[in-house]
Amino acid sequence: MTFHTKLLGTAAAAGLILAPLAPAFAQEAPAPTAPPAAQTEQAQVPFSDDQIDSFVDAAVEVSEVRDTYLPQIQAAKDDSEAAELTQKAQADMAAAVSKTEGMDVDTYNKISQTAQTDPALNDRLVAMITERTKQPTNDG
């Protein structure tokens, strides 16, 4: 599922704030599933509905920042220019997370990391992001 992979890629990009914009990033294989004990442990790290909602808002913003910078980084003349653009992108992604009401980079990271090993949380996040990024329909 492309969007599923993109969600993890975007979340990880903003969460790690480290070289997140490599072209192959979104094509990486999904993380291996955690053993049942680890999944149980992850389930014990609850996030409130408000935190999940704020995470989704931030993830949408982070995705927009990523989509803005990725073509520029890919078109960079040299590694120095690409590195400079990557730093700007990382700063803008962190700012997008920080400006989201009820969200900070640390919480964003925790939710992102949990989603990588908790399929139910990941599916919930994907569904929410898909719903929020749908093109508006003609309401009349």
N, C-alpha and C. Protein backbone atom coordinates (compact mmCIF):
# COMPACT_ATOMS: atom_id res chain seq x y z
N MET A 1 0.85 -1.17 0.00
CA MET A 1 0.00 0.00 0.00
C MET A 1 0.90 1.23 0.00
N THR A 2 0.83 2.03 -1.03
CA THR A 2 1.71 3.18 -1.18
C THR A 2 1.49 4.21 -0.09
N PHE A 3 0.24 4.54 0.20
CA PHE A 3 -0.01 5.57 1.20
C PHE A 3 0.45 5.10 2.56
N HIS A 4 0.27 3.81 2.86
CA HIS A 4 0.72 3.24 4.12
C HIS A 4 2.22 3.44 4.27
N THR A 5 2.95 3.10 3.24
CA THR A 5 4.40 3.27 3.27
C THR A 5 4.75 4.75 3.39
N LYS A 6 4.03 5.60 2.68
CA LYS A 6 4.30 7.03 2.73
C LYS A 6 4.07 7.57 4.14
N LEU A 7 3.00 7.10 4.81
CA LEU A 7 2.74 7.55 6.17
C LEU A 7 3.93 7.22 7.05
N LEU A 8 4.37 5.98 7.01
CA LEU A 8 5.51 5.61 7.84
C LEU A 8 6.73 6.42 7.47
N GLY A 9 6.96 6.61 6.18
CA GLY A 9 8.10 7.39 5.73
C GLY A 9 8.03 8.82 6.19
N THR A 10 6.85 9.42 6.08
CA THR A 10 6.69 10.81 6.50
C THR A 10 6.83 10.94 8.00
N ALA A 11 6.21 10.04 8.71
CA ALA A 11 6.29 10.09 10.17
C ALA A 11 7.73 9.90 10.62
N ALA A 12 8.40 8.96 10.04
CA ALA A 12 9.79 8.72 10.41
C ALA A 12 10.65 9.91 10.03
N ALA A 13 10.36 10.51 8.90
CA ALA A 13 11.15 11.66 8.45
C ALA A 13 11.07 12.79 9.47
N ALA A 14 9.88 13.11 9.89
CA ALA A 14 9.74 14.20 10.85
C ALA A 14 10.21 13.75 12.22
N GLY A 15 9.95 12.50 12.54
CA GLY A 15 10.33 12.00 13.85
C GLY A 15 11.83 11.96 14.04
N LEU A 16 12.53 11.46 13.09
CA LEU A 16 13.97 11.31 13.23
C LEU A 16 14.69 12.61 12.93
N ILE A 17 14.13 13.43 12.08
CA ILE A 17 14.75 14.69 11.66
C ILE A 17 16.20 14.45 11.22
N LEU A 18 16.44 13.32 10.58
CA LEU A 18 17.77 12.98 10.09
C LEU A 18 17.67 12.47 8.66
N ALA A 19 18.23 13.18 7.72
CA ALA A 19 18.28 12.77 6.32
C ALA A 19 17.02 12.04 5.85
N PRO A 20 15.84 12.62 6.05
CA PRO A 20 14.61 11.90 5.76
C PRO A 20 14.19 11.94 4.30
N LEU A 21 14.88 12.69 3.48
CA LEU A 21 14.35 12.95 2.15
C LEU A 21 15.06 12.20 1.04
N ALA A 22 15.71 11.12 1.36
CA ALA A 22 16.35 10.31 0.32
C ALA A 22 15.27 9.77 -0.61
N PRO A 23 15.51 9.78 -1.92
CA PRO A 23 14.49 9.34 -2.87
C PRO A 23 13.96 7.94 -2.62
N ALA A 24 14.79 7.04 -2.15
CA ALA A 24 14.34 5.67 -1.95
C ALA A 24 13.64 5.48 -0.61
N PHE A 25 13.56 6.51 0.19
CA PHE A 25 13.02 6.40 1.54
C PHE A 25 11.62 5.80 1.54
N ALA A 26 10.74 6.29 0.68
CA ALA A 26 9.37 5.81 0.66
C ALA A 26 9.27 4.40 0.10
N GLN A 27 10.34 3.89 -0.51
CA GLN A 27 10.29 2.57 -1.10
C GLN A 27 10.86 1.51 -0.17
N GLU A 28 11.30 1.89 1.01
CA GLU A 28 11.86 0.93 1.94
C GLU A 28 10.80 -0.08 2.35
N ALA A 29 11.24 -1.28 2.65
CA ALA A 29 10.32 -2.32 3.11
C ALA A 29 9.79 -1.93 4.49
N PRO A 30 8.56 -2.34 4.78
CA PRO A 30 8.03 -2.02 6.11
C PRO A 30 8.83 -2.72 7.20
N ALA A 31 8.83 -2.13 8.36
CA ALA A 31 9.57 -2.71 9.48
C ALA A 31 8.99 -4.07 9.82
N PRO A 32 9.84 -4.99 10.25
CA PRO A 32 9.33 -6.31 10.62
C PRO A 32 8.38 -6.19 11.79
N THR A 33 7.40 -7.07 11.83
CA THR A 33 6.44 -7.01 12.92
C THR A 33 7.11 -7.45 14.21
N ALA A 34 6.73 -6.80 15.27
CA ALA A 34 7.32 -7.10 16.56
C ALA A 34 6.71 -8.38 17.13
N PRO A 35 7.46 -9.07 17.96
CA PRO A 35 6.90 -10.26 18.60
C PRO A 35 5.71 -9.87 19.48
N PRO A 36 4.82 -10.82 19.80
CA PRO A 36 3.63 -10.50 20.59
C PRO A 36 3.92 -9.77 21.89
N ALA A 37 5.00 -10.10 22.57
CA ALA A 37 5.33 -9.42 23.83
C ALA A 37 5.58 -7.94 23.58
N ALA A 38 6.29 -7.62 22.51
CA ALA A 38 6.57 -6.22 22.20
C ALA A 38 5.30 -5.49 21.81
N GLN A 39 4.39 -6.17 21.10
CA GLN A 39 3.13 -5.54 20.73
C GLN A 39 2.31 -5.23 21.97
N THR A 40 2.31 -6.14 22.92
CA THR A 40 1.59 -5.92 24.17
C THR A 40 2.19 -4.72 24.90
N GLU A 41 3.52 -4.67 24.91
CA GLU A 41 4.20 -3.54 25.55
C GLU A 41 3.81 -2.24 24.88
N GLN A 42 3.78 -2.21 23.53
CA GLN A 42 3.40 -1.01 22.80
C GLN A 42 1.97 -0.62 23.13
N ALA A 43 1.08 -1.60 23.27
CA ALA A 43 -0.31 -1.31 23.56
C ALA A 43 -0.47 -0.63 24.91
N GLN A 44 0.52 -0.77 25.79
CA GLN A 44 0.47 -0.15 27.09
C GLN A 44 0.92 1.31 27.07
N VAL A 45 1.29 1.81 25.89
CA VAL A 45 1.68 3.21 25.75
C VAL A 45 0.53 3.92 25.05
N PRO A 46 -0.50 4.28 25.81
CA PRO A 46 -1.68 4.85 25.18
C PRO A 46 -1.46 6.31 24.78
N PHE A 47 -2.11 6.67 23.73
CA PHE A 47 -2.13 8.06 23.30
C PHE A 47 -3.58 8.48 23.30
N SER A 48 -3.82 9.69 23.77
CA SER A 48 -5.19 10.17 23.82
C SER A 48 -5.70 10.45 22.41
N ASP A 49 -7.01 10.51 22.28
CA ASP A 49 -7.60 10.85 20.99
C ASP A 49 -7.12 12.22 20.53
N ASP A 50 -6.95 13.14 21.46
CA ASP A 50 -6.46 14.48 21.11
C ASP A 50 -5.03 14.41 20.57
N GLN A 51 -4.18 13.57 21.18
CA GLN A 51 -2.81 13.42 20.69
C GLN A 51 -2.79 12.80 19.29
N ILE A 52 -3.63 11.80 19.08
CA ILE A 52 -3.72 11.16 17.76
C ILE A 52 -4.20 12.17 16.74
N ASP A 53 -5.20 12.94 17.09
CA ASP A 53 -5.74 13.96 16.19
C ASP A 53 -4.67 15.00 15.84
N SER A 54 -3.93 15.44 16.84
CA SER A 54 -2.86 16.42 16.61
C SER A 54 -1.74 15.80 15.77
N PHE A 55 -1.42 14.53 16.02
CA PHE A 55 -0.41 13.85 15.23
C PHE A 55 -0.80 13.85 13.75
N VAL A 56 -2.05 13.53 13.48
CA VAL A 56 -2.52 13.48 12.09
C VAL A 56 -2.42 14.86 11.45
N ASP A 57 -2.82 15.90 12.18
CA ASP A 57 -2.68 17.27 11.66
C ASP A 57 -1.22 17.56 11.32
N ALA A 58 -0.33 17.20 12.24
CA ALA A 58 1.10 17.45 12.03
C ALA A 58 1.64 16.62 10.86
N ALA A 59 1.22 15.37 10.76
CA ALA A 59 1.70 14.49 9.69
C ALA A 59 1.30 15.03 8.32
N VAL A 60 0.11 15.59 8.22
CA VAL A 60 -0.33 16.19 6.95
C VAL A 60 0.57 17.38 6.61
N GLU A 61 0.87 18.20 7.59
CA GLU A 61 1.75 19.36 7.36
C GLU A 61 3.16 18.90 6.99
N VAL A 62 3.66 17.90 7.69
CA VAL A 62 5.00 17.38 7.42
C VAL A 62 5.08 16.83 6.00
N SER A 63 4.03 16.15 5.59
CA SER A 63 3.98 15.59 4.24
C SER A 63 4.04 16.70 3.19
N GLU A 64 3.36 17.81 3.46
CA GLU A 64 3.39 18.94 2.53
C GLU A 64 4.80 19.54 2.45
N VAL A 65 5.46 19.67 3.59
CA VAL A 65 6.83 20.18 3.60
C VAL A 65 7.74 19.24 2.82
N ARG A 66 7.60 17.96 3.09
CA ARG A 66 8.42 16.95 2.40
C ARG A 66 8.19 17.03 0.90
N ASP A 67 6.93 17.12 0.49
CA ASP A 67 6.61 17.18 -0.94
C ASP A 67 7.15 18.45 -1.59
N THR A 68 7.28 19.51 -0.83
CA THR A 68 7.83 20.77 -1.35
C THR A 68 9.34 20.66 -1.55
N TYR A 69 10.02 20.07 -0.59
CA TYR A 69 11.49 20.03 -0.64
C TYR A 69 12.07 18.89 -1.47
N LEU A 70 11.39 17.76 -1.52
CA LEU A 70 11.96 16.60 -2.18
C LEU A 70 12.40 16.87 -3.62
N PRO A 71 11.56 17.50 -4.46
CA PRO A 71 12.03 17.77 -5.83
C PRO A 71 13.24 18.71 -5.87
N GLN A 72 13.28 19.66 -4.95
CA GLN A 72 14.42 20.59 -4.90
C GLN A 72 15.70 19.85 -4.51
N ILE A 73 15.59 18.95 -3.57
CA ILE A 73 16.76 18.19 -3.13
C ILE A 73 17.24 17.27 -4.25
N GLN A 74 16.29 16.63 -4.92
CA GLN A 74 16.65 15.73 -6.02
C GLN A 74 17.30 16.50 -7.17
N ALA A 75 16.93 17.78 -7.34
CA ALA A 75 17.48 18.59 -8.43
C ALA A 75 18.72 19.38 -8.03
N ALA A 76 19.16 19.21 -6.80
CA ALA A 76 20.33 19.96 -6.31
C ALA A 76 21.54 19.71 -7.20
N LYS A 77 22.34 20.76 -7.38
CA LYS A 77 23.53 20.68 -8.24
C LYS A 77 24.63 19.82 -7.64
N ASP A 78 24.71 19.82 -6.31
CA ASP A 78 25.77 19.06 -5.65
C ASP A 78 25.33 18.65 -4.25
N ASP A 79 26.18 17.87 -3.59
CA ASP A 79 25.86 17.38 -2.25
C ASP A 79 25.71 18.50 -1.24
N SER A 80 26.48 19.55 -1.41
CA SER A 80 26.41 20.68 -0.48
C SER A 80 25.04 21.36 -0.55
N GLU A 81 24.57 21.58 -1.77
CA GLU A 81 23.25 22.20 -1.94
C GLU A 81 22.16 21.27 -1.41
N ALA A 82 22.28 19.98 -1.68
CA ALA A 82 21.30 19.01 -1.20
C ALA A 82 21.28 18.98 0.33
N ALA A 83 22.46 19.04 0.94
CA ALA A 83 22.54 19.03 2.40
C ALA A 83 21.90 20.28 3.00
N GLU A 84 22.13 21.41 2.37
CA GLU A 84 21.54 22.67 2.84
C GLU A 84 20.01 22.62 2.75
N LEU A 85 19.51 22.13 1.63
CA LEU A 85 18.06 22.00 1.46
C LEU A 85 17.47 21.00 2.44
N THR A 86 18.19 19.92 2.69
CA THR A 86 17.73 18.92 3.65
C THR A 86 17.63 19.52 5.04
N GLN A 87 18.62 20.31 5.43
CA GLN A 87 18.56 20.97 6.74
C GLN A 87 17.36 21.91 6.84
N LYS A 88 17.10 22.65 5.77
CA LYS A 88 15.94 23.55 5.77
C LYS A 88 14.65 22.75 5.88
N ALA A 89 14.58 21.65 5.13
CA ALA A 89 13.39 20.81 5.17
C ALA A 89 13.17 20.25 6.58
N GLN A 90 14.25 19.78 7.19
CA GLN A 90 14.15 19.22 8.53
C GLN A 90 13.66 20.28 9.52
N ALA A 91 14.19 21.47 9.41
CA ALA A 91 13.76 22.56 10.30
C ALA A 91 12.29 22.90 10.08
N ASP A 92 11.89 22.94 8.81
CA ASP A 92 10.48 23.25 8.50
C ASP A 92 9.55 22.13 8.97
N MET A 93 10.00 20.87 8.87
CA MET A 93 9.17 19.76 9.36
C MET A 93 9.03 19.84 10.88
N ALA A 94 10.12 20.11 11.56
CA ALA A 94 10.07 20.23 13.02
C ALA A 94 9.17 21.40 13.41
N ALA A 95 9.26 22.50 12.69
CA ALA A 95 8.41 23.66 12.97
C ALA A 95 6.94 23.32 12.73
N ALA A 96 6.66 22.57 11.67
CA ALA A 96 5.28 22.18 11.37
C ALA A 96 4.71 21.34 12.51
N VAL A 97 5.52 20.44 13.05
CA VAL A 97 5.07 19.62 14.18
C VAL A 97 4.85 20.51 15.41
N SER A 98 5.81 21.37 15.69
CA SER A 98 5.74 22.20 16.89
C SER A 98 4.58 23.19 16.87
N LYS A 99 4.23 23.67 15.69
CA LYS A 99 3.14 24.66 15.61
C LYS A 99 1.77 24.01 15.65
N THR A 100 1.71 22.70 15.57
CA THR A 100 0.44 22.00 15.64
C THR A 100 -0.04 21.99 17.08
N GLU A 101 -1.26 22.45 17.28
CA GLU A 101 -1.81 22.54 18.63
C GLU A 101 -1.83 21.15 19.28
N GLY A 102 -1.30 21.07 20.49
CA GLY A 102 -1.31 19.83 21.24
C GLY A 102 -0.24 18.83 20.83
N MET A 103 0.75 19.26 20.04
CA MET A 103 1.78 18.34 19.56
C MET A 103 3.15 18.96 19.75
N ASP A 104 4.11 18.10 20.03
CA ASP A 104 5.51 18.49 20.07
C ASP A 104 6.31 17.39 19.39
N VAL A 105 7.54 17.66 19.06
CA VAL A 105 8.36 16.72 18.30
C VAL A 105 8.53 15.41 19.06
N ASP A 106 8.72 15.46 20.38
CA ASP A 106 8.92 14.24 21.16
C ASP A 106 7.68 13.33 21.10
N THR A 107 6.51 13.90 21.30
CA THR A 107 5.27 13.12 21.23
C THR A 107 5.04 12.59 19.82
N TYR A 108 5.33 13.43 18.84
CA TYR A 108 5.21 13.02 17.44
C TYR A 108 6.10 11.80 17.17
N ASN A 109 7.32 11.86 17.67
CA ASN A 109 8.26 10.74 17.51
C ASN A 109 7.72 9.47 18.17
N LYS A 110 7.20 9.60 19.37
CA LYS A 110 6.70 8.43 20.10
C LYS A 110 5.53 7.79 19.35
N ILE A 111 4.61 8.61 18.86
CA ILE A 111 3.47 8.07 18.12
C ILE A 111 3.95 7.42 16.83
N SER A 112 4.87 8.08 16.14
CA SER A 112 5.41 7.54 14.90
C SER A 112 6.08 6.20 15.13
N GLN A 113 6.91 6.11 16.15
CA GLN A 113 7.62 4.87 16.45
C GLN A 113 6.65 3.76 16.85
N THR A 114 5.64 4.11 17.62
CA THR A 114 4.65 3.12 18.03
C THR A 114 3.87 2.61 16.82
N ALA A 115 3.54 3.51 15.91
CA ALA A 115 2.78 3.12 14.71
C ALA A 115 3.55 2.14 13.84
N GLN A 116 4.87 2.20 13.91
CA GLN A 116 5.68 1.29 13.09
C GLN A 116 5.61 -0.15 13.59
N THR A 117 5.25 -0.35 14.84
CA THR A 117 5.17 -1.71 15.39
C THR A 117 3.76 -2.09 15.82
N ASP A 118 2.83 -1.15 15.74
CA ASP A 118 1.45 -1.40 16.15
C ASP A 118 0.54 -1.24 14.93
N PRO A 119 0.21 -2.35 14.25
CA PRO A 119 -0.59 -2.26 13.04
C PRO A 119 -1.94 -1.57 13.24
N ALA A 120 -2.56 -1.76 14.39
CA ALA A 120 -3.86 -1.14 14.63
C ALA A 120 -3.72 0.38 14.68
N LEU A 121 -2.70 0.87 15.37
CA LEU A 121 -2.48 2.32 15.43
C LEU A 121 -2.14 2.84 14.05
N ASN A 122 -1.27 2.15 13.34
CA ASN A 122 -0.88 2.60 12.00
C ASN A 122 -2.10 2.67 11.08
N ASP A 123 -2.94 1.64 11.12
CA ASP A 123 -4.14 1.64 10.28
C ASP A 123 -5.07 2.80 10.64
N ARG A 124 -5.18 3.09 11.92
CA ARG A 124 -6.02 4.21 12.36
C ARG A 124 -5.46 5.53 11.82
N LEU A 125 -4.14 5.69 11.93
CA LEU A 125 -3.52 6.92 11.44
C LEU A 125 -3.67 7.06 9.93
N VAL A 126 -3.46 5.97 9.21
CA VAL A 126 -3.60 6.00 7.75
C VAL A 126 -5.03 6.39 7.38
N ALA A 127 -6.00 5.80 8.04
CA ALA A 127 -7.41 6.11 7.74
C ALA A 127 -7.71 7.58 8.01
N MET A 128 -7.21 8.10 9.11
CA MET A 128 -7.47 9.51 9.46
C MET A 128 -6.78 10.45 8.46
N ILE A 129 -5.56 10.14 8.10
CA ILE A 129 -4.84 10.99 7.14
C ILE A 129 -5.51 10.93 5.78
N THR A 130 -5.92 9.74 5.38
CA THR A 130 -6.62 9.60 4.10
C THR A 130 -7.88 10.44 4.09
N GLU A 131 -8.63 10.39 5.17
CA GLU A 131 -9.86 11.17 5.27
C GLU A 131 -9.58 12.67 5.19
N ARG A 132 -8.55 13.11 5.87
CA ARG A 132 -8.25 14.55 5.90
C ARG A 132 -7.65 15.07 4.61
N THR A 133 -7.05 14.20 3.84
CA THR A 133 -6.40 14.67 2.62
C THR A 133 -7.25 14.43 1.38
N LYS A 134 -8.47 13.94 1.57
CA LYS A 134 -9.36 13.75 0.43
C LYS A 134 -9.67 15.10 -0.20
N GLN A 135 -9.80 15.07 -1.52
CA GLN A 135 -10.21 16.28 -2.22
C GLN A 135 -11.67 16.56 -1.88
N PRO A 136 -12.02 17.82 -1.66
CA PRO A 136 -13.43 18.13 -1.35
C PRO A 136 -14.33 17.77 -2.52
N THR A 137 -15.52 17.31 -2.19
CA THR A 137 -16.49 16.99 -3.22
C THR A 137 -17.45 18.15 -3.38
N ASN A 138 -18.23 18.14 -4.42
CA ASN A 138 -19.23 19.18 -4.62
C ASN A 138 -20.36 18.97 -3.64
N ASP A 139 -20.45 19.87 -2.68
CA ASP A 139 -21.49 19.76 -1.67
C ASP A 139 -22.75 20.50 -2.07
N GLY A 140 -22.72 21.11 -3.20
CA GLY A 140 -23.95 21.75 -3.65
C GLY A 140 -23.77 23.12 -4.00
